[in-house]
Amino acid sequence: MSEIENLIAELCRAGHPEQAVELCASMGIPFRFPMGDLSGANLSGADLRGAQLAAASLGRTNLRNANLEGANLSWAFLRRADLSGANLSGATLWGVQYDAGTRWPEGFDYKTSGAIGPMADLRGGDFEEGEFRFADLEGADLRGANLRWADFREACFKDADLRGANLEGTYLQRADLEGADLTGAVIDKFTRWPEGFEPAT
């Protein structure tokens, strides 16, 4: 890790991520804090063009009017984050986890962005061995998706469409499967169901 990357990490961990972002912007370099914890930070209006935030924790983070053009947010946690007015042009959102409390820019089609959350269109997606505990997938379309050996313990699949999905070895303990359509889903002896749940595939 370079000296500047160390300084950025130190500022973020000390609770001053906005200073780290401003420093990067002044130097003309992308902000890099992959897998970092920025939960609850105020980054409203921040210049985050090309930022590297893969798998970062951004729950409850204020990203109103932030410029996230070309940013990598893959696998980040955006539950209850505020992205209203943000520029997400060219941003990578594959695997991002959002929930009903996440606020998106007006007119942004987050449901087909590859992000994981309520009403998401994830048809044919590959989520093998992913970590999605507590994910909110109410009403999501997961037809033909690969959820093999993924961890969805305590996730919400209420009214989700799982027709033809691969659930071999999937961890579903304490998940909410009320109203979920499992027609044609691929299961095996390693699929872990909620206690008392009898799949009708």
N, C-alpha and C. Protein backbone atom coordinates (compact mmCIF):
# COMPACT_ATOMS: atom_id res chain seq x y z
N MET A 1 0.84 -1.19 0.00
CA MET A 1 0.00 0.00 0.00
C MET A 1 0.88 1.25 0.00
N SER A 2 0.58 2.21 -0.87
CA SER A 2 1.38 3.41 -0.99
C SER A 2 1.16 4.35 0.20
N GLU A 3 2.01 5.37 0.31
CA GLU A 3 1.90 6.32 1.41
C GLU A 3 0.56 7.05 1.37
N ILE A 4 0.13 7.47 0.18
CA ILE A 4 -1.13 8.18 0.06
C ILE A 4 -2.30 7.27 0.42
N GLU A 5 -2.24 6.01 0.02
CA GLU A 5 -3.31 5.06 0.36
C GLU A 5 -3.37 4.84 1.86
N ASN A 6 -2.22 4.81 2.51
CA ASN A 6 -2.19 4.67 3.97
C ASN A 6 -2.84 5.87 4.64
N LEU A 7 -2.54 7.07 4.11
CA LEU A 7 -3.11 8.29 4.68
C LEU A 7 -4.63 8.32 4.52
N ILE A 8 -5.09 7.91 3.34
CA ILE A 8 -6.53 7.85 3.07
C ILE A 8 -7.21 6.90 4.05
N ALA A 9 -6.62 5.73 4.22
CA ALA A 9 -7.19 4.74 5.13
C ALA A 9 -7.22 5.26 6.56
N GLU A 10 -6.16 5.95 6.97
CA GLU A 10 -6.09 6.48 8.34
C GLU A 10 -7.16 7.55 8.56
N LEU A 11 -7.34 8.43 7.57
CA LEU A 11 -8.36 9.47 7.69
C LEU A 11 -9.76 8.86 7.79
N CYS A 12 -10.02 7.84 6.97
CA CYS A 12 -11.33 7.19 6.99
C CYS A 12 -11.58 6.49 8.32
N ARG A 13 -10.59 5.80 8.81
CA ARG A 13 -10.76 5.07 10.07
C ARG A 13 -10.87 6.02 11.26
N ALA A 14 -10.33 7.22 11.10
CA ALA A 14 -10.43 8.21 12.17
C ALA A 14 -11.74 8.98 12.12
N GLY A 15 -12.60 8.63 11.15
CA GLY A 15 -13.89 9.28 11.05
C GLY A 15 -13.89 10.54 10.22
N HIS A 16 -12.91 10.69 9.30
CA HIS A 16 -12.82 11.88 8.45
C HIS A 16 -12.76 11.51 6.97
N PRO A 17 -13.71 10.69 6.50
CA PRO A 17 -13.66 10.26 5.10
C PRO A 17 -13.80 11.42 4.12
N GLU A 18 -14.56 12.47 4.51
CA GLU A 18 -14.74 13.61 3.61
C GLU A 18 -13.39 14.30 3.33
N GLN A 19 -12.50 14.33 4.33
CA GLN A 19 -11.17 14.90 4.13
C GLN A 19 -10.34 14.05 3.18
N ALA A 20 -10.50 12.72 3.32
CA ALA A 20 -9.78 11.81 2.43
C ALA A 20 -10.24 11.98 0.99
N VAL A 21 -11.56 12.14 0.80
CA VAL A 21 -12.10 12.33 -0.54
C VAL A 21 -11.61 13.65 -1.13
N GLU A 22 -11.62 14.71 -0.32
CA GLU A 22 -11.14 16.02 -0.79
C GLU A 22 -9.66 15.97 -1.15
N LEU A 23 -8.88 15.23 -0.38
CA LEU A 23 -7.45 15.09 -0.67
C LEU A 23 -7.24 14.42 -2.02
N CYS A 24 -7.98 13.35 -2.27
CA CYS A 24 -7.86 12.65 -3.56
C CYS A 24 -8.26 13.57 -4.71
N ALA A 25 -9.34 14.31 -4.52
CA ALA A 25 -9.81 15.21 -5.57
C ALA A 25 -8.77 16.29 -5.87
N SER A 26 -8.12 16.81 -4.81
CA SER A 26 -7.11 17.85 -5.01
C SER A 26 -5.88 17.33 -5.73
N MET A 27 -5.62 16.02 -5.59
CA MET A 27 -4.47 15.39 -6.25
C MET A 27 -4.83 14.80 -7.61
N GLY A 28 -6.13 14.83 -7.93
CA GLY A 28 -6.57 14.30 -9.21
C GLY A 28 -6.49 12.80 -9.31
N ILE A 29 -6.65 12.12 -8.17
CA ILE A 29 -6.60 10.65 -8.17
C ILE A 29 -7.91 10.11 -7.62
N PRO A 30 -8.34 8.92 -8.06
CA PRO A 30 -9.59 8.33 -7.56
C PRO A 30 -9.47 7.95 -6.08
N PHE A 31 -10.54 8.13 -5.37
CA PHE A 31 -10.61 7.71 -3.97
C PHE A 31 -10.66 6.19 -3.92
N ARG A 32 -9.81 5.59 -3.10
CA ARG A 32 -9.73 4.13 -3.00
C ARG A 32 -9.89 3.72 -1.54
N PHE A 33 -10.98 2.97 -1.27
CA PHE A 33 -11.17 2.42 0.08
C PHE A 33 -11.99 1.15 -0.02
N PRO A 34 -11.53 0.18 -0.85
CA PRO A 34 -12.29 -1.07 -1.00
C PRO A 34 -12.37 -1.83 0.31
N MET A 35 -13.55 -2.40 0.57
CA MET A 35 -13.82 -3.16 1.78
C MET A 35 -13.78 -2.29 3.03
N GLY A 36 -13.73 -0.98 2.85
CA GLY A 36 -13.68 -0.09 4.00
C GLY A 36 -15.05 0.17 4.59
N ASP A 37 -15.06 0.70 5.80
CA ASP A 37 -16.31 1.00 6.50
C ASP A 37 -16.55 2.51 6.49
N LEU A 38 -17.52 2.93 5.69
CA LEU A 38 -17.91 4.33 5.62
C LEU A 38 -19.36 4.50 6.06
N SER A 39 -19.83 3.59 6.87
CA SER A 39 -21.22 3.60 7.32
C SER A 39 -21.55 4.91 8.01
N GLY A 40 -22.63 5.55 7.56
CA GLY A 40 -23.09 6.77 8.20
C GLY A 40 -22.30 8.02 7.87
N ALA A 41 -21.32 7.92 6.99
CA ALA A 41 -20.50 9.09 6.66
C ALA A 41 -21.30 10.10 5.84
N ASN A 42 -20.92 11.37 5.95
CA ASN A 42 -21.56 12.42 5.16
C ASN A 42 -20.67 12.76 3.97
N LEU A 43 -21.01 12.19 2.82
CA LEU A 43 -20.25 12.43 1.59
C LEU A 43 -21.13 13.13 0.56
N SER A 44 -22.03 13.94 1.05
CA SER A 44 -22.93 14.68 0.18
C SER A 44 -22.13 15.59 -0.75
N GLY A 45 -22.41 15.46 -2.05
CA GLY A 45 -21.74 16.30 -3.04
C GLY A 45 -20.29 15.96 -3.29
N ALA A 46 -19.82 14.85 -2.77
CA ALA A 46 -18.41 14.48 -2.91
C ALA A 46 -18.05 14.09 -4.34
N ASP A 47 -16.79 14.39 -4.70
CA ASP A 47 -16.27 13.99 -6.01
C ASP A 47 -15.69 12.59 -5.87
N LEU A 48 -16.46 11.61 -6.29
CA LEU A 48 -16.07 10.20 -6.17
C LEU A 48 -15.96 9.55 -7.54
N ARG A 49 -15.61 10.35 -8.53
CA ARG A 49 -15.45 9.80 -9.88
C ARG A 49 -14.35 8.74 -9.89
N GLY A 50 -14.71 7.55 -10.42
CA GLY A 50 -13.74 6.47 -10.51
C GLY A 50 -13.35 5.87 -9.17
N ALA A 51 -14.07 6.18 -8.12
CA ALA A 51 -13.74 5.66 -6.79
C ALA A 51 -13.79 4.14 -6.76
N GLN A 52 -12.89 3.56 -5.97
CA GLN A 52 -12.83 2.12 -5.79
C GLN A 52 -13.41 1.78 -4.42
N LEU A 53 -14.69 1.37 -4.43
CA LEU A 53 -15.41 1.11 -3.19
C LEU A 53 -16.02 -0.30 -3.18
N ALA A 54 -15.37 -1.21 -3.87
CA ALA A 54 -15.88 -2.59 -3.92
C ALA A 54 -15.98 -3.17 -2.52
N ALA A 55 -17.13 -3.75 -2.22
CA ALA A 55 -17.38 -4.42 -0.94
C ALA A 55 -17.29 -3.48 0.26
N ALA A 56 -17.40 -2.18 0.01
CA ALA A 56 -17.36 -1.22 1.12
C ALA A 56 -18.70 -1.20 1.86
N SER A 57 -18.65 -0.85 3.13
CA SER A 57 -19.87 -0.70 3.92
C SER A 57 -20.31 0.76 3.84
N LEU A 58 -21.44 0.98 3.16
CA LEU A 58 -21.95 2.33 2.94
C LEU A 58 -23.38 2.47 3.48
N GLY A 59 -23.71 1.63 4.43
CA GLY A 59 -25.05 1.70 5.02
C GLY A 59 -25.27 3.03 5.72
N ARG A 60 -26.42 3.66 5.44
CA ARG A 60 -26.81 4.94 6.02
C ARG A 60 -25.88 6.09 5.60
N THR A 61 -25.03 5.87 4.61
CA THR A 61 -24.12 6.92 4.15
C THR A 61 -24.87 7.96 3.32
N ASN A 62 -24.56 9.23 3.55
CA ASN A 62 -25.16 10.32 2.80
C ASN A 62 -24.34 10.57 1.55
N LEU A 63 -24.87 10.15 0.40
CA LEU A 63 -24.21 10.33 -0.89
C LEU A 63 -25.06 11.21 -1.81
N ARG A 64 -25.89 12.06 -1.20
CA ARG A 64 -26.74 12.95 -1.99
C ARG A 64 -25.88 13.84 -2.90
N ASN A 65 -26.25 13.86 -4.18
CA ASN A 65 -25.58 14.72 -5.17
C ASN A 65 -24.09 14.42 -5.34
N ALA A 66 -23.64 13.26 -4.87
CA ALA A 66 -22.24 12.87 -5.06
C ALA A 66 -22.01 12.48 -6.52
N ASN A 67 -20.79 12.71 -6.99
CA ASN A 67 -20.43 12.32 -8.36
C ASN A 67 -19.73 10.97 -8.31
N LEU A 68 -20.47 9.93 -8.64
CA LEU A 68 -19.95 8.56 -8.61
C LEU A 68 -19.75 8.01 -10.02
N GLU A 69 -19.54 8.89 -10.97
CA GLU A 69 -19.35 8.46 -12.35
C GLU A 69 -18.17 7.49 -12.46
N GLY A 70 -18.43 6.32 -13.02
CA GLY A 70 -17.37 5.33 -13.23
C GLY A 70 -16.88 4.66 -11.96
N ALA A 71 -17.54 4.87 -10.84
CA ALA A 71 -17.09 4.27 -9.58
C ALA A 71 -17.38 2.77 -9.55
N ASN A 72 -16.54 2.05 -8.83
CA ASN A 72 -16.75 0.62 -8.65
C ASN A 72 -17.35 0.39 -7.26
N LEU A 73 -18.66 0.09 -7.25
CA LEU A 73 -19.37 -0.18 -6.01
C LEU A 73 -19.77 -1.64 -5.88
N SER A 74 -19.20 -2.49 -6.71
CA SER A 74 -19.61 -3.90 -6.72
C SER A 74 -19.49 -4.51 -5.33
N TRP A 75 -20.54 -5.24 -4.95
CA TRP A 75 -20.63 -5.97 -3.68
C TRP A 75 -20.64 -5.05 -2.46
N ALA A 76 -20.82 -3.75 -2.65
CA ALA A 76 -20.90 -2.84 -1.51
C ALA A 76 -22.26 -2.95 -0.83
N PHE A 77 -22.34 -2.50 0.42
CA PHE A 77 -23.58 -2.49 1.19
C PHE A 77 -24.14 -1.07 1.18
N LEU A 78 -25.32 -0.92 0.59
CA LEU A 78 -25.95 0.39 0.47
C LEU A 78 -27.30 0.44 1.19
N ARG A 79 -27.47 -0.37 2.19
CA ARG A 79 -28.74 -0.38 2.90
C ARG A 79 -28.96 0.96 3.61
N ARG A 80 -30.11 1.57 3.32
CA ARG A 80 -30.51 2.86 3.88
C ARG A 80 -29.56 4.00 3.48
N ALA A 81 -28.76 3.80 2.46
CA ALA A 81 -27.91 4.89 1.95
C ALA A 81 -28.76 5.87 1.14
N ASP A 82 -28.34 7.13 1.13
CA ASP A 82 -29.06 8.16 0.38
C ASP A 82 -28.24 8.57 -0.84
N LEU A 83 -28.69 8.11 -2.02
CA LEU A 83 -28.02 8.43 -3.28
C LEU A 83 -28.85 9.38 -4.13
N SER A 84 -29.83 10.03 -3.54
CA SER A 84 -30.68 10.91 -4.32
C SER A 84 -29.85 12.03 -4.94
N GLY A 85 -30.04 12.25 -6.22
CA GLY A 85 -29.32 13.28 -6.94
C GLY A 85 -27.90 12.91 -7.34
N ALA A 86 -27.44 11.71 -6.98
CA ALA A 86 -26.07 11.29 -7.31
C ALA A 86 -25.93 10.96 -8.78
N ASN A 87 -24.71 11.13 -9.29
CA ASN A 87 -24.40 10.76 -10.67
C ASN A 87 -23.81 9.35 -10.66
N LEU A 88 -24.57 8.38 -11.18
CA LEU A 88 -24.13 6.99 -11.21
C LEU A 88 -23.81 6.53 -12.63
N SER A 89 -23.56 7.46 -13.51
CA SER A 89 -23.24 7.12 -14.89
C SER A 89 -21.98 6.26 -14.95
N GLY A 90 -22.11 5.08 -15.53
CA GLY A 90 -20.96 4.19 -15.70
C GLY A 90 -20.50 3.50 -14.43
N ALA A 91 -21.23 3.69 -13.33
CA ALA A 91 -20.83 3.05 -12.07
C ALA A 91 -21.17 1.56 -12.11
N THR A 92 -20.32 0.75 -11.48
CA THR A 92 -20.54 -0.69 -11.39
C THR A 92 -21.28 -1.00 -10.10
N LEU A 93 -22.47 -1.58 -10.23
CA LEU A 93 -23.32 -1.85 -9.07
C LEU A 93 -23.60 -3.34 -8.89
N TRP A 94 -22.89 -4.18 -9.62
CA TRP A 94 -23.16 -5.61 -9.54
C TRP A 94 -22.95 -6.13 -8.12
N GLY A 95 -23.97 -6.79 -7.59
CA GLY A 95 -23.85 -7.40 -6.27
C GLY A 95 -24.07 -6.45 -5.12
N VAL A 96 -24.28 -5.16 -5.40
CA VAL A 96 -24.56 -4.20 -4.34
C VAL A 96 -25.83 -4.62 -3.60
N GLN A 97 -25.83 -4.50 -2.29
CA GLN A 97 -27.02 -4.84 -1.51
C GLN A 97 -27.71 -3.57 -1.05
N TYR A 98 -28.98 -3.44 -1.44
CA TYR A 98 -29.77 -2.31 -1.01
C TYR A 98 -31.04 -2.82 -0.33
N ASP A 99 -31.81 -1.93 0.25
CA ASP A 99 -33.07 -2.33 0.86
C ASP A 99 -34.13 -1.27 0.59
N ALA A 100 -35.28 -1.42 1.21
CA ALA A 100 -36.38 -0.50 0.96
C ALA A 100 -36.05 0.92 1.43
N GLY A 101 -35.06 1.06 2.30
CA GLY A 101 -34.68 2.38 2.80
C GLY A 101 -33.63 3.08 1.97
N THR A 102 -33.09 2.40 0.95
CA THR A 102 -32.10 3.03 0.07
C THR A 102 -32.77 4.02 -0.86
N ARG A 103 -32.22 5.21 -0.98
CA ARG A 103 -32.79 6.24 -1.84
C ARG A 103 -31.90 6.39 -3.07
N TRP A 104 -32.53 6.26 -4.25
CA TRP A 104 -31.81 6.30 -5.52
C TRP A 104 -32.08 7.61 -6.26
N PRO A 105 -31.21 7.95 -7.22
CA PRO A 105 -31.48 9.14 -8.03
C PRO A 105 -32.79 8.98 -8.80
N GLU A 106 -33.52 10.05 -8.94
CA GLU A 106 -34.78 10.01 -9.67
C GLU A 106 -34.56 9.51 -11.10
N GLY A 107 -35.35 8.50 -11.48
CA GLY A 107 -35.27 7.97 -12.84
C GLY A 107 -34.20 6.91 -13.04
N PHE A 108 -33.38 6.64 -12.01
CA PHE A 108 -32.32 5.63 -12.16
C PHE A 108 -32.91 4.23 -12.05
N ASP A 109 -32.59 3.36 -13.02
CA ASP A 109 -33.16 2.02 -13.07
C ASP A 109 -32.29 1.05 -12.26
N TYR A 110 -32.36 1.16 -10.95
CA TYR A 110 -31.54 0.31 -10.09
C TYR A 110 -31.97 -1.14 -10.12
N LYS A 111 -33.22 -1.40 -10.49
CA LYS A 111 -33.73 -2.78 -10.46
C LYS A 111 -33.05 -3.67 -11.49
N THR A 112 -32.49 -3.11 -12.54
CA THR A 112 -31.81 -3.91 -13.57
C THR A 112 -30.31 -3.64 -13.59
N SER A 113 -29.80 -3.06 -12.51
CA SER A 113 -28.38 -2.68 -12.46
C SER A 113 -27.48 -3.80 -11.99
N GLY A 114 -28.08 -4.92 -11.55
CA GLY A 114 -27.30 -6.01 -10.97
C GLY A 114 -27.23 -5.92 -9.46
N ALA A 115 -27.80 -4.84 -8.91
CA ALA A 115 -27.85 -4.68 -7.46
C ALA A 115 -28.89 -5.63 -6.87
N ILE A 116 -28.69 -6.01 -5.63
CA ILE A 116 -29.51 -7.02 -4.97
C ILE A 116 -30.40 -6.38 -3.92
N GLY A 117 -31.72 -6.46 -4.14
CA GLY A 117 -32.64 -5.87 -3.19
C GLY A 117 -34.07 -6.09 -3.62
N PRO A 118 -35.02 -5.43 -2.96
CA PRO A 118 -36.44 -5.62 -3.27
C PRO A 118 -36.75 -5.32 -4.73
N MET A 119 -37.51 -6.23 -5.36
CA MET A 119 -37.99 -6.08 -6.74
C MET A 119 -36.88 -6.07 -7.79
N ALA A 120 -35.69 -6.49 -7.42
CA ALA A 120 -34.58 -6.49 -8.37
C ALA A 120 -34.80 -7.53 -9.47
N ASP A 121 -34.36 -7.19 -10.68
CA ASP A 121 -34.40 -8.12 -11.80
C ASP A 121 -33.04 -8.80 -11.89
N LEU A 122 -32.95 -10.02 -11.37
CA LEU A 122 -31.68 -10.75 -11.29
C LEU A 122 -31.75 -12.06 -12.07
N ARG A 123 -32.57 -12.07 -13.10
CA ARG A 123 -32.73 -13.27 -13.91
C ARG A 123 -31.41 -13.74 -14.47
N GLY A 124 -31.09 -15.03 -14.23
CA GLY A 124 -29.88 -15.63 -14.78
C GLY A 124 -28.60 -15.16 -14.13
N GLY A 125 -28.67 -14.41 -13.04
CA GLY A 125 -27.47 -13.92 -12.38
C GLY A 125 -26.67 -15.02 -11.71
N ASP A 126 -25.37 -14.80 -11.60
CA ASP A 126 -24.49 -15.79 -10.98
C ASP A 126 -24.04 -15.28 -9.61
N PHE A 127 -24.58 -15.88 -8.55
CA PHE A 127 -24.27 -15.45 -7.19
C PHE A 127 -23.68 -16.61 -6.39
N GLU A 128 -23.07 -17.54 -7.09
CA GLU A 128 -22.53 -18.73 -6.45
C GLU A 128 -21.54 -18.36 -5.35
N GLU A 129 -21.75 -18.97 -4.18
CA GLU A 129 -20.91 -18.83 -2.99
C GLU A 129 -20.87 -17.41 -2.43
N GLY A 130 -21.83 -16.57 -2.83
CA GLY A 130 -21.87 -15.20 -2.31
C GLY A 130 -22.39 -15.14 -0.88
N GLU A 131 -22.10 -14.02 -0.22
CA GLU A 131 -22.54 -13.79 1.16
C GLU A 131 -23.68 -12.78 1.15
N PHE A 132 -24.91 -13.25 1.40
CA PHE A 132 -26.08 -12.38 1.31
C PHE A 132 -26.99 -12.53 2.53
N ARG A 133 -26.38 -12.75 3.66
CA ARG A 133 -27.17 -12.92 4.88
C ARG A 133 -27.96 -11.64 5.16
N PHE A 134 -29.23 -11.78 5.51
CA PHE A 134 -30.16 -10.69 5.80
C PHE A 134 -30.58 -9.89 4.56
N ALA A 135 -30.21 -10.34 3.36
CA ALA A 135 -30.57 -9.60 2.15
C ALA A 135 -32.08 -9.50 2.00
N ASP A 136 -32.54 -8.35 1.49
CA ASP A 136 -33.97 -8.13 1.27
C ASP A 136 -34.26 -8.31 -0.21
N LEU A 137 -34.85 -9.44 -0.56
CA LEU A 137 -35.15 -9.76 -1.95
C LEU A 137 -36.65 -9.93 -2.16
N GLU A 138 -37.42 -9.21 -1.40
CA GLU A 138 -38.87 -9.29 -1.54
C GLU A 138 -39.30 -8.92 -2.95
N GLY A 139 -40.03 -9.82 -3.58
CA GLY A 139 -40.54 -9.57 -4.93
C GLY A 139 -39.50 -9.60 -6.03
N ALA A 140 -38.27 -10.03 -5.73
CA ALA A 140 -37.21 -10.05 -6.73
C ALA A 140 -37.43 -11.16 -7.76
N ASP A 141 -36.92 -10.93 -8.97
CA ASP A 141 -37.01 -11.92 -10.05
C ASP A 141 -35.67 -12.64 -10.16
N LEU A 142 -35.63 -13.87 -9.69
CA LEU A 142 -34.40 -14.68 -9.67
C LEU A 142 -34.54 -15.92 -10.55
N ARG A 143 -35.37 -15.82 -11.55
CA ARG A 143 -35.56 -16.97 -12.43
C ARG A 143 -34.24 -17.38 -13.08
N GLY A 144 -33.90 -18.65 -12.93
CA GLY A 144 -32.70 -19.18 -13.56
C GLY A 144 -31.40 -18.71 -12.95
N ALA A 145 -31.46 -18.02 -11.82
CA ALA A 145 -30.24 -17.52 -11.18
C ALA A 145 -29.46 -18.65 -10.51
N ASN A 146 -28.15 -18.48 -10.43
CA ASN A 146 -27.30 -19.47 -9.78
C ASN A 146 -27.00 -19.00 -8.35
N LEU A 147 -27.65 -19.65 -7.38
CA LEU A 147 -27.45 -19.32 -5.97
C LEU A 147 -26.73 -20.46 -5.26
N ARG A 148 -26.04 -21.25 -6.04
CA ARG A 148 -25.39 -22.46 -5.52
C ARG A 148 -24.38 -22.11 -4.42
N TRP A 149 -24.56 -22.76 -3.27
CA TRP A 149 -23.69 -22.61 -2.10
C TRP A 149 -23.61 -21.17 -1.58
N ALA A 150 -24.54 -20.34 -1.97
CA ALA A 150 -24.56 -18.97 -1.44
C ALA A 150 -25.22 -18.95 -0.06
N ASP A 151 -24.86 -17.94 0.72
CA ASP A 151 -25.39 -17.81 2.08
C ASP A 151 -26.52 -16.78 2.09
N PHE A 152 -27.75 -17.26 2.18
CA PHE A 152 -28.92 -16.40 2.26
C PHE A 152 -29.66 -16.61 3.58
N ARG A 153 -28.93 -16.95 4.61
CA ARG A 153 -29.57 -17.13 5.90
C ARG A 153 -30.24 -15.83 6.35
N GLU A 154 -31.47 -15.98 6.83
CA GLU A 154 -32.27 -14.86 7.35
C GLU A 154 -32.58 -13.80 6.29
N ALA A 155 -32.46 -14.18 5.02
CA ALA A 155 -32.82 -13.27 3.94
C ALA A 155 -34.32 -13.30 3.71
N CYS A 156 -34.83 -12.26 3.06
CA CYS A 156 -36.26 -12.19 2.75
C CYS A 156 -36.49 -12.46 1.27
N PHE A 157 -37.19 -13.56 0.99
CA PHE A 157 -37.56 -13.93 -0.38
C PHE A 157 -39.08 -13.85 -0.56
N LYS A 158 -39.73 -13.07 0.26
CA LYS A 158 -41.18 -13.01 0.20
C LYS A 158 -41.65 -12.62 -1.20
N ASP A 159 -42.51 -13.47 -1.78
CA ASP A 159 -43.08 -13.26 -3.11
C ASP A 159 -42.02 -13.19 -4.22
N ALA A 160 -40.82 -13.70 -3.97
CA ALA A 160 -39.77 -13.72 -4.99
C ALA A 160 -40.02 -14.83 -6.00
N ASP A 161 -39.52 -14.63 -7.21
CA ASP A 161 -39.66 -15.62 -8.28
C ASP A 161 -38.35 -16.38 -8.42
N LEU A 162 -38.33 -17.62 -7.93
CA LEU A 162 -37.14 -18.47 -7.95
C LEU A 162 -37.31 -19.64 -8.90
N ARG A 163 -38.17 -19.50 -9.87
CA ARG A 163 -38.40 -20.59 -10.81
C ARG A 163 -37.11 -20.92 -11.56
N GLY A 164 -36.73 -22.18 -11.52
CA GLY A 164 -35.55 -22.64 -12.25
C GLY A 164 -34.23 -22.23 -11.64
N ALA A 165 -34.24 -21.60 -10.48
CA ALA A 165 -32.99 -21.17 -9.84
C ALA A 165 -32.23 -22.38 -9.31
N ASN A 166 -30.91 -22.27 -9.30
CA ASN A 166 -30.07 -23.34 -8.76
C ASN A 166 -29.85 -23.08 -7.27
N LEU A 167 -30.42 -23.93 -6.44
CA LEU A 167 -30.32 -23.78 -4.99
C LEU A 167 -29.53 -24.93 -4.37
N GLU A 168 -28.66 -25.54 -5.14
CA GLU A 168 -27.85 -26.65 -4.62
C GLU A 168 -26.91 -26.12 -3.54
N GLY A 169 -27.05 -26.66 -2.35
CA GLY A 169 -26.18 -26.28 -1.25
C GLY A 169 -26.43 -24.89 -0.69
N THR A 170 -27.48 -24.23 -1.13
CA THR A 170 -27.76 -22.87 -0.67
C THR A 170 -28.18 -22.87 0.80
N TYR A 171 -27.67 -21.90 1.56
CA TYR A 171 -28.01 -21.77 2.97
C TYR A 171 -29.22 -20.85 3.10
N LEU A 172 -30.35 -21.41 3.51
CA LEU A 172 -31.59 -20.65 3.61
C LEU A 172 -32.20 -20.72 5.01
N GLN A 173 -31.40 -21.08 5.99
CA GLN A 173 -31.93 -21.18 7.34
C GLN A 173 -32.51 -19.83 7.78
N ARG A 174 -33.69 -19.88 8.35
CA ARG A 174 -34.41 -18.72 8.89
C ARG A 174 -34.74 -17.68 7.82
N ALA A 175 -34.66 -18.06 6.56
CA ALA A 175 -35.07 -17.15 5.48
C ALA A 175 -36.59 -17.11 5.39
N ASP A 176 -37.12 -16.00 4.90
CA ASP A 176 -38.56 -15.84 4.71
C ASP A 176 -38.89 -16.19 3.26
N LEU A 177 -39.53 -17.33 3.07
CA LEU A 177 -39.88 -17.80 1.73
C LEU A 177 -41.39 -17.74 1.48
N GLU A 178 -42.09 -16.93 2.26
CA GLU A 178 -43.53 -16.82 2.10
C GLU A 178 -43.89 -16.30 0.70
N GLY A 179 -44.66 -17.08 -0.01
CA GLY A 179 -45.12 -16.67 -1.33
C GLY A 179 -44.09 -16.83 -2.43
N ALA A 180 -42.90 -17.33 -2.12
CA ALA A 180 -41.87 -17.51 -3.14
C ALA A 180 -42.24 -18.65 -4.08
N ASP A 181 -41.96 -18.46 -5.37
CA ASP A 181 -42.26 -19.49 -6.37
C ASP A 181 -40.99 -20.27 -6.65
N LEU A 182 -40.97 -21.53 -6.23
CA LEU A 182 -39.80 -22.40 -6.38
C LEU A 182 -40.00 -23.44 -7.47
N THR A 183 -40.94 -23.22 -8.34
CA THR A 183 -41.22 -24.18 -9.40
C THR A 183 -39.97 -24.43 -10.24
N GLY A 184 -39.58 -25.69 -10.34
CA GLY A 184 -38.44 -26.06 -11.17
C GLY A 184 -37.09 -25.70 -10.60
N ALA A 185 -37.05 -25.22 -9.37
CA ALA A 185 -35.76 -24.90 -8.75
C ALA A 185 -34.94 -26.17 -8.55
N VAL A 186 -33.64 -26.05 -8.72
CA VAL A 186 -32.73 -27.20 -8.58
C VAL A 186 -32.23 -27.24 -7.14
N ILE A 187 -32.55 -28.31 -6.44
CA ILE A 187 -32.13 -28.46 -5.06
C ILE A 187 -31.41 -29.80 -4.90
N ASP A 188 -30.72 -29.95 -3.80
CA ASP A 188 -30.09 -31.24 -3.50
C ASP A 188 -30.11 -31.47 -1.99
N LYS A 189 -29.45 -32.51 -1.56
CA LYS A 189 -29.49 -32.86 -0.13
C LYS A 189 -28.74 -31.85 0.72
N PHE A 190 -27.97 -31.00 0.09
CA PHE A 190 -27.20 -30.01 0.85
C PHE A 190 -27.91 -28.66 0.96
N THR A 191 -29.03 -28.51 0.28
CA THR A 191 -29.81 -27.28 0.41
C THR A 191 -30.33 -27.19 1.83
N ARG A 192 -30.10 -26.06 2.48
CA ARG A 192 -30.50 -25.89 3.87
C ARG A 192 -31.73 -24.98 3.94
N TRP A 193 -32.87 -25.57 4.33
CA TRP A 193 -34.13 -24.85 4.35
C TRP A 193 -34.44 -24.30 5.74
N PRO A 194 -35.33 -23.33 5.82
CA PRO A 194 -35.80 -22.88 7.14
C PRO A 194 -36.46 -24.05 7.88
N GLU A 195 -36.37 -24.06 9.17
CA GLU A 195 -36.94 -25.15 9.97
C GLU A 195 -38.43 -25.27 9.70
N GLY A 196 -38.84 -26.50 9.35
CA GLY A 196 -40.24 -26.78 9.10
C GLY A 196 -40.72 -26.46 7.68
N PHE A 197 -39.83 -25.94 6.85
CA PHE A 197 -40.23 -25.58 5.49
C PHE A 197 -40.18 -26.80 4.59
N GLU A 198 -41.22 -27.04 3.82
CA GLU A 198 -41.28 -28.15 2.89
C GLU A 198 -41.36 -27.59 1.48
N PRO A 199 -40.27 -27.66 0.71
CA PRO A 199 -40.28 -27.08 -0.65
C PRO A 199 -41.20 -27.84 -1.60
N ALA A 200 -41.94 -27.10 -2.37
CA ALA A 200 -42.80 -27.68 -3.40
C ALA A 200 -42.29 -27.17 -4.74
N THR A 201 -41.27 -27.84 -5.28
CA THR A 201 -40.66 -27.43 -6.53
C THR A 201 -41.21 -28.19 -7.71
